[in-house]
Amino acid sequence: MGKFEKYNGSNGDFRFRLKAGNGENILASEGYTTAAARDNGVESVKKNSSEEKRYELKETAAGKYHFNLKATNGQVIGSSQSYASESSAKAGIQSVMKNAPDADVVEV
C-alpha cells in the first residue's frame, strides 16, 4: 500500500510526496506556504487520483515523459518523476491511481 509523506523543503516550505508500496516516489507536490494548504493538496490528490482525465502526460524536448495530476480547477497538484518511455509514464499514472485514494499520511 502506498503512503503520503509530509515534509519540509530545504527552504522551509511544506511539501508531500506519494510513495508506492515498494517505496518508490510516484508523485510529488509543489512547495506550499502553510501546512494546511499542503494537507489540502494531499486530500485533493486522494480525491482526483482515480479519474484518468485528471492526468496530463507530457513529452519533454529530451524525449522523456512525465505527468501532472490536476484538480478540477485545472491546477497542478502533483507531478511525477521523469520516465524513459511513454509506457513507463502510463504505468506511473496507474500506480498513482491505485495507491493514492487509500494511502496513509505520515510526517517525516
PDB file of N, CA and C in Angstrom:
ATOM      1  N   MET A   1       0.843  -1.186   0.000  1.00  0.00           N
ATOM      2  CA  MET A   1       0.000   0.000   0.000  1.00  0.00           C
ATOM      3  C   MET A   1       0.888   1.250   0.000  1.00  0.00           C
ATOM      4  N   GLY A   2       0.450   2.251  -0.700  1.00  0.00           N
ATOM      5  CA  GLY A   2       1.199   3.497  -0.770  1.00  0.00           C
ATOM      6  C   GLY A   2       1.019   4.359   0.465  1.00  0.00           C
ATOM      7  N   LYS A   3       1.833   5.412   0.520  1.00  0.00           N
ATOM      8  CA  LYS A   3       1.694   6.363   1.624  1.00  0.00           C
ATOM      9  C   LYS A   3       2.133   7.746   1.170  1.00  0.00           C
ATOM     10  N   PHE A   4       1.489   8.737   1.760  1.00  0.00           N
ATOM     11  CA  PHE A   4       1.900  10.122   1.578  1.00  0.00           C
ATOM     12  C   PHE A   4       2.879  10.460   2.683  1.00  0.00           C
ATOM     13  N   GLU A   5       3.983  11.080   2.308  1.00  0.00           N
ATOM     14  CA  GLU A   5       4.931  11.590   3.288  1.00  0.00           C
ATOM     15  C   GLU A   5       4.873  13.105   3.245  1.00  0.00           C
ATOM     16  N   LYS A   6       4.601  13.716   4.400  1.00  0.00           N
ATOM     17  CA  LYS A   6       4.599  15.169   4.527  1.00  0.00           C
ATOM     18  C   LYS A   6       5.946  15.587   5.093  1.00  0.00           C
ATOM     19  N   TYR A   7       6.534  16.621   4.504  1.00  0.00           N
ATOM     20  CA  TYR A   7       7.853  17.061   4.957  1.00  0.00           C
ATOM     21  C   TYR A   7       8.060  18.531   4.615  1.00  0.00           C
ATOM     22  N   ASN A   8       9.142  19.094   5.136  1.00  0.00           N
ATOM     23  CA  ASN A   8       9.502  20.474   4.826  1.00  0.00           C
ATOM     24  C   ASN A   8      10.630  20.482   3.804  1.00  0.00           C
ATOM     25  N   GLY A   9      10.499  21.359   2.809  1.00  0.00           N
ATOM     26  CA  GLY A   9      11.536  21.509   1.803  1.00  0.00           C
ATOM     27  C   GLY A   9      12.746  22.240   2.367  1.00  0.00           C
ATOM     28  N   SER A  10      13.798  22.322   1.577  1.00  0.00           N
ATOM     29  CA  SER A  10      15.044  22.936   2.030  1.00  0.00           C
ATOM     30  C   SER A  10      14.874  24.410   2.392  1.00  0.00           C
ATOM     31  N   ASN A  11      13.887  25.067   1.811  1.00  0.00           N
ATOM     32  CA  ASN A  11      13.659  26.483   2.137  1.00  0.00           C
ATOM     33  C   ASN A  11      12.529  26.678   3.151  1.00  0.00           C
ATOM     34  N   GLY A  12      12.122  25.581   3.814  1.00  0.00           N
ATOM     35  CA  GLY A  12      11.112  25.681   4.858  1.00  0.00           C
ATOM     36  C   GLY A  12       9.680  25.575   4.380  1.00  0.00           C
ATOM     37  N   ASP A  13       9.471  25.407   3.070  1.00  0.00           N
ATOM     38  CA  ASP A  13       8.101  25.269   2.584  1.00  0.00           C
ATOM     39  C   ASP A  13       7.553  23.887   2.958  1.00  0.00           C
ATOM     40  N   PHE A  14       6.269  23.696   2.742  1.00  0.00           N
ATOM     41  CA  PHE A  14       5.578  22.462   3.116  1.00  0.00           C
ATOM     42  C   PHE A  14       5.313  21.657   1.852  1.00  0.00           C
ATOM     43  N   ARG A  15       5.687  20.379   1.869  1.00  0.00           N
ATOM     44  CA  ARG A  15       5.584  19.527   0.688  1.00  0.00           C
ATOM     45  C   ARG A  15       5.057  18.151   1.061  1.00  0.00           C
ATOM     46  N   PHE A  16       4.646  17.398   0.029  1.00  0.00           N
ATOM     47  CA  PHE A  16       4.315  15.990   0.211  1.00  0.00           C
ATOM     48  C   PHE A  16       4.783  15.210  -1.005  1.00  0.00           C
ATOM     49  N   ARG A  17       4.958  13.916  -0.795  1.00  0.00           N
ATOM     50  CA  ARG A  17       5.242  13.001  -1.898  1.00  0.00           C
ATOM     51  C   ARG A  17       4.430  11.741  -1.647  1.00  0.00           C
ATOM     52  N   LEU A  18       4.034  11.108  -2.731  1.00  0.00           N
ATOM     53  CA  LEU A  18       3.330   9.838  -2.653  1.00  0.00           C
ATOM     54  C   LEU A  18       4.310   8.745  -3.027  1.00  0.00           C
ATOM     55  N   LYS A  19       4.393   7.741  -2.171  1.00  0.00           N
ATOM     56  CA  LYS A  19       5.272   6.601  -2.427  1.00  0.00           C
ATOM     57  C   LYS A  19       4.415   5.362  -2.645  1.00  0.00           C
ATOM     58  N   ALA A  20       4.845   4.542  -3.599  1.00  0.00           N
ATOM     59  CA  ALA A  20       4.187   3.260  -3.842  1.00  0.00           C
ATOM     60  C   ALA A  20       4.552   2.296  -2.713  1.00  0.00           C
ATOM     61  N   GLY A  21       3.908   1.152  -2.687  1.00  0.00           N
ATOM     62  CA  GLY A  21       4.175   0.151  -1.670  1.00  0.00           C
ATOM     63  C   GLY A  21       5.621  -0.313  -1.634  1.00  0.00           C
ATOM     64  N   ASN A  22       6.322  -0.216  -2.780  1.00  0.00           N
ATOM     65  CA  ASN A  22       7.726  -0.628  -2.840  1.00  0.00           C
ATOM     66  C   ASN A  22       8.681   0.492  -2.426  1.00  0.00           C
ATOM     67  N   GLY A  23       8.126   1.636  -2.001  1.00  0.00           N
ATOM     68  CA  GLY A  23       8.950   2.758  -1.546  1.00  0.00           C
ATOM     69  C   GLY A  23       9.354   3.740  -2.623  1.00  0.00           C
ATOM     70  N   GLU A  24       8.970   3.486  -3.865  1.00  0.00           N
ATOM     71  CA  GLU A  24       9.336   4.376  -4.973  1.00  0.00           C
ATOM     72  C   GLU A  24       8.457   5.631  -4.955  1.00  0.00           C
ATOM     73  N   ASN A  25       9.085   6.802  -5.155  1.00  0.00           N
ATOM     74  CA  ASN A  25       8.326   8.049  -5.272  1.00  0.00           C
ATOM     75  C   ASN A  25       7.553   8.029  -6.586  1.00  0.00           C
ATOM     76  N   ILE A  26       6.250   8.277  -6.511  1.00  0.00           N
ATOM     77  CA  ILE A  26       5.453   8.267  -7.734  1.00  0.00           C
ATOM     78  C   ILE A  26       4.751   9.600  -8.011  1.00  0.00           C
ATOM     79  N   LEU A  27       4.728  10.499  -7.042  1.00  0.00           N
ATOM     80  CA  LEU A  27       4.127  11.814  -7.251  1.00  0.00           C
ATOM     81  C   LEU A  27       4.677  12.763  -6.195  1.00  0.00           C
ATOM     82  N   ALA A  28       4.960  13.996  -6.593  1.00  0.00           N
ATOM     83  CA  ALA A  28       5.493  14.986  -5.654  1.00  0.00           C
ATOM     84  C   ALA A  28       4.730  16.297  -5.822  1.00  0.00           C
ATOM     85  N   SER A  29       4.614  17.015  -4.729  1.00  0.00           N
ATOM     86  CA  SER A  29       3.899  18.295  -4.745  1.00  0.00           C
ATOM     87  C   SER A  29       4.845  19.445  -5.014  1.00  0.00           C
ATOM     88  N   GLU A  30       4.238  20.587  -5.232  1.00  0.00           N
ATOM     89  CA  GLU A  30       4.958  21.852  -5.221  1.00  0.00           C
ATOM     90  C   GLU A  30       5.167  22.249  -3.767  1.00  0.00           C
ATOM     91  N   GLY A  31       5.855  23.338  -3.535  1.00  0.00           N
ATOM     92  CA  GLY A  31       6.001  23.850  -2.185  1.00  0.00           C
ATOM     93  C   GLY A  31       4.804  24.708  -1.802  1.00  0.00           C
ATOM     94  N   TYR A  32       4.281  24.499  -0.604  1.00  0.00           N
ATOM     95  CA  TYR A  32       3.166  25.280  -0.088  1.00  0.00           C
ATOM     96  C   TYR A  32       3.663  26.192   1.030  1.00  0.00           C
ATOM     97  N   THR A  33       2.981  27.305   1.226  1.00  0.00           N
ATOM     98  CA  THR A  33       3.402  28.260   2.261  1.00  0.00           C
ATOM     99  C   THR A  33       2.900  27.887   3.647  1.00  0.00           C
ATOM    100  N   THR A  34       1.866  27.032   3.730  1.00  0.00           N
ATOM    101  CA  THR A  34       1.342  26.612   5.028  1.00  0.00           C
ATOM    102  C   THR A  34       1.126  25.104   5.051  1.00  0.00           C
ATOM    103  N   ALA A  35       1.152  24.544   6.247  1.00  0.00           N
ATOM    104  CA  ALA A  35       0.878  23.118   6.415  1.00  0.00           C
ATOM    105  C   ALA A  35      -0.564  22.798   6.011  1.00  0.00           C
ATOM    106  N   ALA A  36      -1.485  23.707   6.309  1.00  0.00           N
ATOM    107  CA  ALA A  36      -2.897  23.484   5.965  1.00  0.00           C
ATOM    108  C   ALA A  36      -3.085  23.390   4.454  1.00  0.00           C
ATOM    109  N   ALA A  37      -2.403  24.246   3.697  1.00  0.00           N
ATOM    110  CA  ALA A  37      -2.504  24.213   2.237  1.00  0.00           C
ATOM    111  C   ALA A  37      -1.930  22.894   1.704  1.00  0.00           C
ATOM    112  N   ARG A  38      -0.806  22.450   2.276  1.00  0.00           N
ATOM    113  CA  ARG A  38      -0.216  21.179   1.885  1.00  0.00           C
ATOM    114  C   ARG A  38      -1.179  20.041   2.169  1.00  0.00           C
ATOM    115  N   ASP A  39      -1.803  20.040   3.343  1.00  0.00           N
ATOM    116  CA  ASP A  39      -2.736  18.985   3.709  1.00  0.00           C
ATOM    117  C   ASP A  39      -3.946  18.974   2.774  1.00  0.00           C
ATOM    118  N   ASN A  40      -4.392  20.148   2.350  1.00  0.00           N
ATOM    119  CA  ASN A  40      -5.466  20.229   1.354  1.00  0.00           C
ATOM    120  C   ASN A  40      -5.020  19.616   0.030  1.00  0.00           C
ATOM    121  N   GLY A  41      -3.740  19.809  -0.314  1.00  0.00           N
ATOM    122  CA  GLY A  41      -3.190  19.215  -1.533  1.00  0.00           C
ATOM    123  C   GLY A  41      -3.221  17.692  -1.470  1.00  0.00           C
ATOM    124  N   VAL A  42      -2.876  17.127  -0.326  1.00  0.00           N
ATOM    125  CA  VAL A  42      -2.933  15.671  -0.147  1.00  0.00           C
ATOM    126  C   VAL A  42      -4.367  15.187  -0.359  1.00  0.00           C
ATOM    127  N   GLU A  43      -5.320  15.863   0.247  1.00  0.00           N
ATOM    128  CA  GLU A  43      -6.730  15.466   0.104  1.00  0.00           C
ATOM    129  C   GLU A  43      -7.198  15.600  -1.348  1.00  0.00           C
ATOM    130  N   SER A  44      -6.711  16.619  -2.039  1.00  0.00           N
ATOM    131  CA  SER A  44      -7.070  16.804  -3.443  1.00  0.00           C
ATOM    132  C   SER A  44      -6.506  15.674  -4.304  1.00  0.00           C
ATOM    133  N   VAL A  45      -5.295  15.228  -4.009  1.00  0.00           N
ATOM    134  CA  VAL A  45      -4.731  14.090  -4.744  1.00  0.00           C
ATOM    135  C   VAL A  45      -5.577  12.848  -4.496  1.00  0.00           C
ATOM    136  N   LYS A  46      -5.922  12.603  -3.248  1.00  0.00           N
ATOM    137  CA  LYS A  46      -6.752  11.441  -2.926  1.00  0.00           C
ATOM    138  C   LYS A  46      -8.070  11.483  -3.704  1.00  0.00           C
ATOM    139  N   LYS A  47      -8.666  12.650  -3.769  1.00  0.00           N
ATOM    140  CA  LYS A  47      -9.968  12.818  -4.424  1.00  0.00           C
ATOM    141  C   LYS A  47      -9.874  12.689  -5.946  1.00  0.00           C
ATOM    142  N   ASN A  48      -8.844  13.286  -6.549  1.00  0.00           N
ATOM    143  CA  ASN A  48      -8.763  13.358  -8.007  1.00  0.00           C
ATOM    144  C   ASN A  48      -7.978  12.229  -8.666  1.00  0.00           C
ATOM    145  N   SER A  49      -7.227  11.472  -7.900  1.00  0.00           N
ATOM    146  CA  SER A  49      -6.315  10.489  -8.487  1.00  0.00           C
ATOM    147  C   SER A  49      -6.998   9.335  -9.210  1.00  0.00           C
ATOM    148  N   SER A  50      -8.229   9.038  -8.887  1.00  0.00           N
ATOM    149  CA  SER A  50      -8.903   7.906  -9.525  1.00  0.00           C
ATOM    150  C   SER A  50      -9.498   8.242 -10.886  1.00  0.00           C
ATOM    151  N   GLU A  51      -9.458   9.523 -11.265  1.00  0.00           N
ATOM    152  CA  GLU A  51     -10.040   9.934 -12.549  1.00  0.00           C
ATOM    153  C   GLU A  51      -8.949  10.118 -13.595  1.00  0.00           C
ATOM    154  N   GLU A  52      -8.931   9.246 -14.582  1.00  0.00           N
ATOM    155  CA  GLU A  52      -7.885   9.266 -15.607  1.00  0.00           C
ATOM    156  C   GLU A  52      -7.808  10.603 -16.344  1.00  0.00           C
ATOM    157  N   LYS A  53      -8.942  11.267 -16.499  1.00  0.00           N
ATOM    158  CA  LYS A  53      -8.959  12.550 -17.219  1.00  0.00           C
ATOM    159  C   LYS A  53      -8.217  13.655 -16.468  1.00  0.00           C
ATOM    160  N   ARG A  54      -7.880  13.445 -15.211  1.00  0.00           N
ATOM    161  CA  ARG A  54      -7.155  14.451 -14.417  1.00  0.00           C
ATOM    162  C   ARG A  54      -5.646  14.429 -14.669  1.00  0.00           C
ATOM    163  N   TYR A  55      -5.175  13.451 -15.440  1.00  0.00           N
ATOM    164  CA  TYR A  55      -3.742  13.327 -15.696  1.00  0.00           C
ATOM    165  C   TYR A  55      -3.364  13.951 -17.030  1.00  0.00           C
ATOM    166  N   GLU A  56      -2.234  14.618 -17.024  1.00  0.00           N
ATOM    167  CA  GLU A  56      -1.702  15.245 -18.228  1.00  0.00           C
ATOM    168  C   GLU A  56      -0.325  14.626 -18.474  1.00  0.00           C
ATOM    169  N   LEU A  57      -0.208  13.840 -19.538  1.00  0.00           N
ATOM    170  CA  LEU A  57       1.045  13.185 -19.900  1.00  0.00           C
ATOM    171  C   LEU A  57       1.790  14.084 -20.878  1.00  0.00           C
ATOM    172  N   LYS A  58       3.076  14.318 -20.602  1.00  0.00           N
ATOM    173  CA  LYS A  58       3.859  15.229 -21.430  1.00  0.00           C
ATOM    174  C   LYS A  58       5.174  14.592 -21.843  1.00  0.00           C
ATOM    175  N   GLU A  59       5.627  14.939 -23.037  1.00  0.00           N
ATOM    176  CA  GLU A  59       6.939  14.536 -23.503  1.00  0.00           C
ATOM    177  C   GLU A  59       7.851  15.758 -23.462  1.00  0.00           C
ATOM    178  N   THR A  60       9.043  15.583 -22.931  1.00  0.00           N
ATOM    179  CA  THR A  60       9.997  16.686 -22.856  1.00  0.00           C
ATOM    180  C   THR A  60      10.773  16.803 -24.161  1.00  0.00           C
ATOM    181  N   ALA A  61      11.491  17.904 -24.319  1.00  0.00           N
ATOM    182  CA  ALA A  61      12.319  18.101 -25.505  1.00  0.00           C
ATOM    183  C   ALA A  61      13.393  17.023 -25.627  1.00  0.00           C
ATOM    184  N   ALA A  62      13.782  16.448 -24.501  1.00  0.00           N
ATOM    185  CA  ALA A  62      14.821  15.412 -24.484  1.00  0.00           C
ATOM    186  C   ALA A  62      14.259  14.012 -24.758  1.00  0.00           C
ATOM    187  N   GLY A  63      12.957  13.932 -25.038  1.00  0.00           N
ATOM    188  CA  GLY A  63      12.356  12.648 -25.345  1.00  0.00           C
ATOM    189  C   GLY A  63      11.977  11.819 -24.129  1.00  0.00           C
ATOM    190  N   LYS A  64      11.939  12.424 -22.971  1.00  0.00           N
ATOM    191  CA  LYS A  64      11.496  11.761 -21.738  1.00  0.00           C
ATOM    192  C   LYS A  64      10.021  12.075 -21.524  1.00  0.00           C
ATOM    193  N   TYR A  65       9.410  11.406 -20.577  1.00  0.00           N
ATOM    194  CA  TYR A  65       7.989  11.593 -20.288  1.00  0.00           C
ATOM    195  C   TYR A  65       7.786  11.857 -18.802  1.00  0.00           C
ATOM    196  N   HIS A  66       6.773  12.629 -18.492  1.00  0.00           N
ATOM    197  CA  HIS A  66       6.326  12.837 -17.120  1.00  0.00           C
ATOM    198  C   HIS A  66       4.844  13.180 -17.162  1.00  0.00           C
ATOM    199  N   PHE A  67       4.220  13.184 -15.997  1.00  0.00           N
ATOM    200  CA  PHE A  67       2.802  13.535 -15.958  1.00  0.00           C
ATOM    201  C   PHE A  67       2.515  14.436 -14.777  1.00  0.00           C
ATOM    202  N   ASN A  68       1.432  15.168 -14.916  1.00  0.00           N
ATOM    203  CA  ASN A  68       0.895  16.014 -13.851  1.00  0.00           C
ATOM    204  C   ASN A  68      -0.497  15.514 -13.517  1.00  0.00           C
ATOM    205  N   LEU A  69      -0.842  15.615 -12.254  1.00  0.00           N
ATOM    206  CA  LEU A  69      -2.210  15.370 -11.807  1.00  0.00           C
ATOM    207  C   LEU A  69      -2.814  16.722 -11.512  1.00  0.00           C
ATOM    208  N   LYS A  70      -3.989  16.971 -12.102  1.00  0.00           N
ATOM    209  CA  LYS A  70      -4.632  18.275 -11.945  1.00  0.00           C
ATOM    210  C   LYS A  70      -5.939  18.156 -11.176  1.00  0.00           C
ATOM    211  N   ALA A  71      -6.238  19.189 -10.404  1.00  0.00           N
ATOM    212  CA  ALA A  71      -7.512  19.286  -9.686  1.00  0.00           C
ATOM    213  C   ALA A  71      -8.610  19.664 -10.676  1.00  0.00           C
ATOM    214  N   THR A  72      -9.840  19.686 -10.206  1.00  0.00           N
ATOM    215  CA  THR A  72     -10.967  20.025 -11.075  1.00  0.00           C
ATOM    216  C   THR A  72     -10.849  21.437 -11.648  1.00  0.00           C
ATOM    217  N   ASN A  73     -10.131  22.324 -10.948  1.00  0.00           N
ATOM    218  CA  ASN A  73      -9.956  23.693 -11.440  1.00  0.00           C
ATOM    219  C   ASN A  73      -8.779  23.821 -12.410  1.00  0.00           C
ATOM    220  N   GLY A  74      -8.125  22.711 -12.726  1.00  0.00           N
ATOM    221  CA  GLY A  74      -7.020  22.725 -13.682  1.00  0.00           C
ATOM    222  C   GLY A  74      -5.655  22.973 -13.068  1.00  0.00           C
ATOM    223  N   GLN A  75      -5.590  23.226 -11.779  1.00  0.00           N
ATOM    224  CA  GLN A  75      -4.316  23.489 -11.108  1.00  0.00           C
ATOM    225  C   GLN A  75      -3.572  22.173 -10.884  1.00  0.00           C
ATOM    226  N   VAL A  76      -2.266  22.191 -11.141  1.00  0.00           N
ATOM    227  CA  VAL A  76      -1.432  21.008 -10.911  1.00  0.00           C
ATOM    228  C   VAL A  76      -1.290  20.789  -9.410  1.00  0.00           C
ATOM    229  N   ILE A  77      -1.596  19.559  -8.965  1.00  0.00           N
ATOM    230  CA  ILE A  77      -1.477  19.237  -7.546  1.00  0.00           C
ATOM    231  C   ILE A  77      -0.364  18.231  -7.275  1.00  0.00           C
ATOM    232  N   GLY A  78       0.178  17.662  -8.331  1.00  0.00           N
ATOM    233  CA  GLY A  78       1.293  16.737  -8.165  1.00  0.00           C
ATOM    234  C   GLY A  78       1.936  16.445  -9.507  1.00  0.00           C
ATOM    235  N   SER A  79       3.233  16.175  -9.483  1.00  0.00           N
ATOM    236  CA  SER A  79       3.995  15.879 -10.692  1.00  0.00           C
ATOM    237  C   SER A  79       4.825  14.622 -10.474  1.00  0.00           C
ATOM    238  N   SER A  80       5.049  13.909 -11.562  1.00  0.00           N
ATOM    239  CA  SER A  80       5.825  12.675 -11.494  1.00  0.00           C
ATOM    240  C   SER A  80       7.299  12.939 -11.728  1.00  0.00           C
ATOM    241  N   GLN A  81       8.065  11.901 -11.550  1.00  0.00           N
ATOM    242  CA  GLN A  81       9.465  11.912 -11.957  1.00  0.00           C
ATOM    243  C   GLN A  81       9.520  11.826 -13.478  1.00  0.00           C
ATOM    244  N   SER A  82      10.696  11.822 -14.037  1.00  0.00           N
ATOM    245  CA  SER A  82      10.899  11.670 -15.470  1.00  0.00           C
ATOM    246  C   SER A  82      11.012  10.180 -15.801  1.00  0.00           C
ATOM    247  N   TYR A  83      10.357   9.772 -16.884  1.00  0.00           N
ATOM    248  CA  TYR A  83      10.383   8.379 -17.323  1.00  0.00           C
ATOM    249  C   TYR A  83      11.023   8.290 -18.706  1.00  0.00           C
ATOM    250  N   ALA A  84      11.677   7.169 -18.980  1.00  0.00           N
ATOM    251  CA  ALA A  84      12.356   6.979 -20.260  1.00  0.00           C
ATOM    252  C   ALA A  84      11.380   6.704 -21.397  1.00  0.00           C
ATOM    253  N   SER A  85      10.200   6.169 -21.082  1.00  0.00           N
ATOM    254  CA  SER A  85       9.251   5.822 -22.137  1.00  0.00           C
ATOM    255  C   SER A  85       7.832   6.240 -21.754  1.00  0.00           C
ATOM    256  N   GLU A  86       7.014   6.373 -22.771  1.00  0.00           N
ATOM    257  CA  GLU A  86       5.609   6.708 -22.537  1.00  0.00           C
ATOM    258  C   GLU A  86       4.909   5.602 -21.758  1.00  0.00           C
ATOM    259  N   SER A  87       5.224   4.343 -22.064  1.00  0.00           N
ATOM    260  CA  SER A  87       4.580   3.233 -21.365  1.00  0.00           C
ATOM    261  C   SER A  87       4.955   3.226 -19.880  1.00  0.00           C
ATOM    262  N   SER A  88       6.182   3.592 -19.548  1.00  0.00           N
ATOM    263  CA  SER A  88       6.591   3.676 -18.143  1.00  0.00           C
ATOM    264  C   SER A  88       5.834   4.787 -17.429  1.00  0.00           C
ATOM    265  N   ALA A  89       5.668   5.924 -18.100  1.00  0.00           N
ATOM    266  CA  ALA A  89       4.913   7.032 -17.506  1.00  0.00           C
ATOM    267  C   ALA A  89       3.457   6.636 -17.288  1.00  0.00           C
ATOM    268  N   LYS A  90       2.875   5.914 -18.232  1.00  0.00           N
ATOM    269  CA  LYS A  90       1.496   5.458 -18.074  1.00  0.00           C
ATOM    270  C   LYS A  90       1.371   4.458 -16.924  1.00  0.00           C
ATOM    271  N   ALA A  91       2.395   3.637 -16.735  1.00  0.00           N
ATOM    272  CA  ALA A  91       2.407   2.721 -15.589  1.00  0.00           C
ATOM    273  C   ALA A  91       2.480   3.527 -14.285  1.00  0.00           C
ATOM    274  N   GLY A  92       3.211   4.648 -14.305  1.00  0.00           N
ATOM    275  CA  GLY A  92       3.274   5.531 -13.143  1.00  0.00           C
ATOM    276  C   GLY A  92       1.911   6.110 -12.814  1.00  0.00           C
ATOM    277  N   ILE A  93       1.169   6.502 -13.830  1.00  0.00           N
ATOM    278  CA  ILE A  93      -0.189   7.010 -13.631  1.00  0.00           C
ATOM    279  C   ILE A  93      -1.053   5.934 -12.978  1.00  0.00           C
ATOM    280  N   GLN A  94      -0.968   4.715 -13.483  1.00  0.00           N
ATOM    281  CA  GLN A  94      -1.750   3.616 -12.911  1.00  0.00           C
ATOM    282  C   GLN A  94      -1.375   3.372 -11.451  1.00  0.00           C
ATOM    283  N   SER A  95      -0.106   3.530 -11.131  1.00  0.00           N
ATOM    284  CA  SER A  95       0.347   3.355  -9.758  1.00  0.00           C
ATOM    285  C   SER A  95      -0.239   4.421  -8.836  1.00  0.00           C
ATOM    286  N   VAL A  96      -0.279   5.672  -9.306  1.00  0.00           N
ATOM    287  CA  VAL A  96      -0.897   6.740  -8.508  1.00  0.00           C
ATOM    288  C   VAL A  96      -2.385   6.452  -8.324  1.00  0.00           C
ATOM    289  N   MET A  97      -3.051   6.038  -9.407  1.00  0.00           N
ATOM    290  CA  MET A  97      -4.475   5.747  -9.326  1.00  0.00           C
ATOM    291  C   MET A  97      -4.755   4.630  -8.312  1.00  0.00           C
ATOM    292  N   LYS A  98      -3.878   3.657  -8.238  1.00  0.00           N
ATOM    293  CA  LYS A  98      -4.045   2.523  -7.329  1.00  0.00           C
ATOM    294  C   LYS A  98      -3.697   2.901  -5.883  1.00  0.00           C
ATOM    295  N   ASN A  99      -2.625   3.662  -5.689  1.00  0.00           N
ATOM    296  CA  ASN A  99      -2.089   3.904  -4.353  1.00  0.00           C
ATOM    297  C   ASN A  99      -2.676   5.101  -3.615  1.00  0.00           C
ATOM    298  N   ALA A 100      -3.014   6.170  -4.314  1.00  0.00           N
ATOM    299  CA  ALA A 100      -3.365   7.429  -3.652  1.00  0.00           C
ATOM    300  C   ALA A 100      -4.678   7.424  -2.865  1.00  0.00           C
ATOM    301  N   PRO A 101      -5.760   6.866  -3.393  1.00  0.00           N
ATOM    302  CA  PRO A 101      -7.042   7.054  -2.707  1.00  0.00           C
ATOM    303  C   PRO A 101      -7.067   6.608  -1.241  1.00  0.00           C
ATOM    304  N   ASP A 102      -6.401   5.519  -0.911  1.00  0.00           N
ATOM    305  CA  ASP A 102      -6.465   4.970   0.445  1.00  0.00           C
ATOM    306  C   ASP A 102      -5.117   5.043   1.169  1.00  0.00           C
ATOM    307  N   ALA A 103      -4.192   5.822   0.645  1.00  0.00           N
ATOM    308  CA  ALA A 103      -2.842   5.875   1.224  1.00  0.00           C
ATOM    309  C   ALA A 103      -2.850   6.519   2.605  1.00  0.00           C
ATOM    310  N   ASP A 104      -2.031   5.960   3.485  1.00  0.00           N
ATOM    311  CA  ASP A 104      -1.817   6.557   4.794  1.00  0.00           C
ATOM    312  C   ASP A 104      -1.043   7.863   4.602  1.00  0.00           C
ATOM    313  N   VAL A 105      -1.141   8.741   5.582  1.00  0.00           N
ATOM    314  CA  VAL A 105      -0.408  10.016   5.556  1.00  0.00           C
ATOM    315  C   VAL A 105       0.485  10.050   6.791  1.00  0.00           C
ATOM    316  N   VAL A 106       1.806  10.235   6.569  1.00  0.00           N
ATOM    317  CA  VAL A 106       2.756  10.253   7.669  1.00  0.00           C
ATOM    318  C   VAL A 106       3.632  11.510   7.571  1.00  0.00           C
ATOM    319  N   GLU A 107       4.086  11.962   8.701  1.00  0.00           N
ATOM    320  CA  GLU A 107       5.008  13.111   8.770  1.00  0.00           C
ATOM    321  C   GLU A 107       6.426  12.552   8.835  1.00  0.00           C
ATOM    322  N   VAL A 108       7.325  13.083   8.016  1.00  0.00           N
ATOM    323  CA  VAL A 108       8.728  12.620   8.043  1.00  0.00           C
ATOM    324  C   VAL A 108       9.658  13.778   8.354  1.00  0.00           C
TER     325      VAL A 108
END
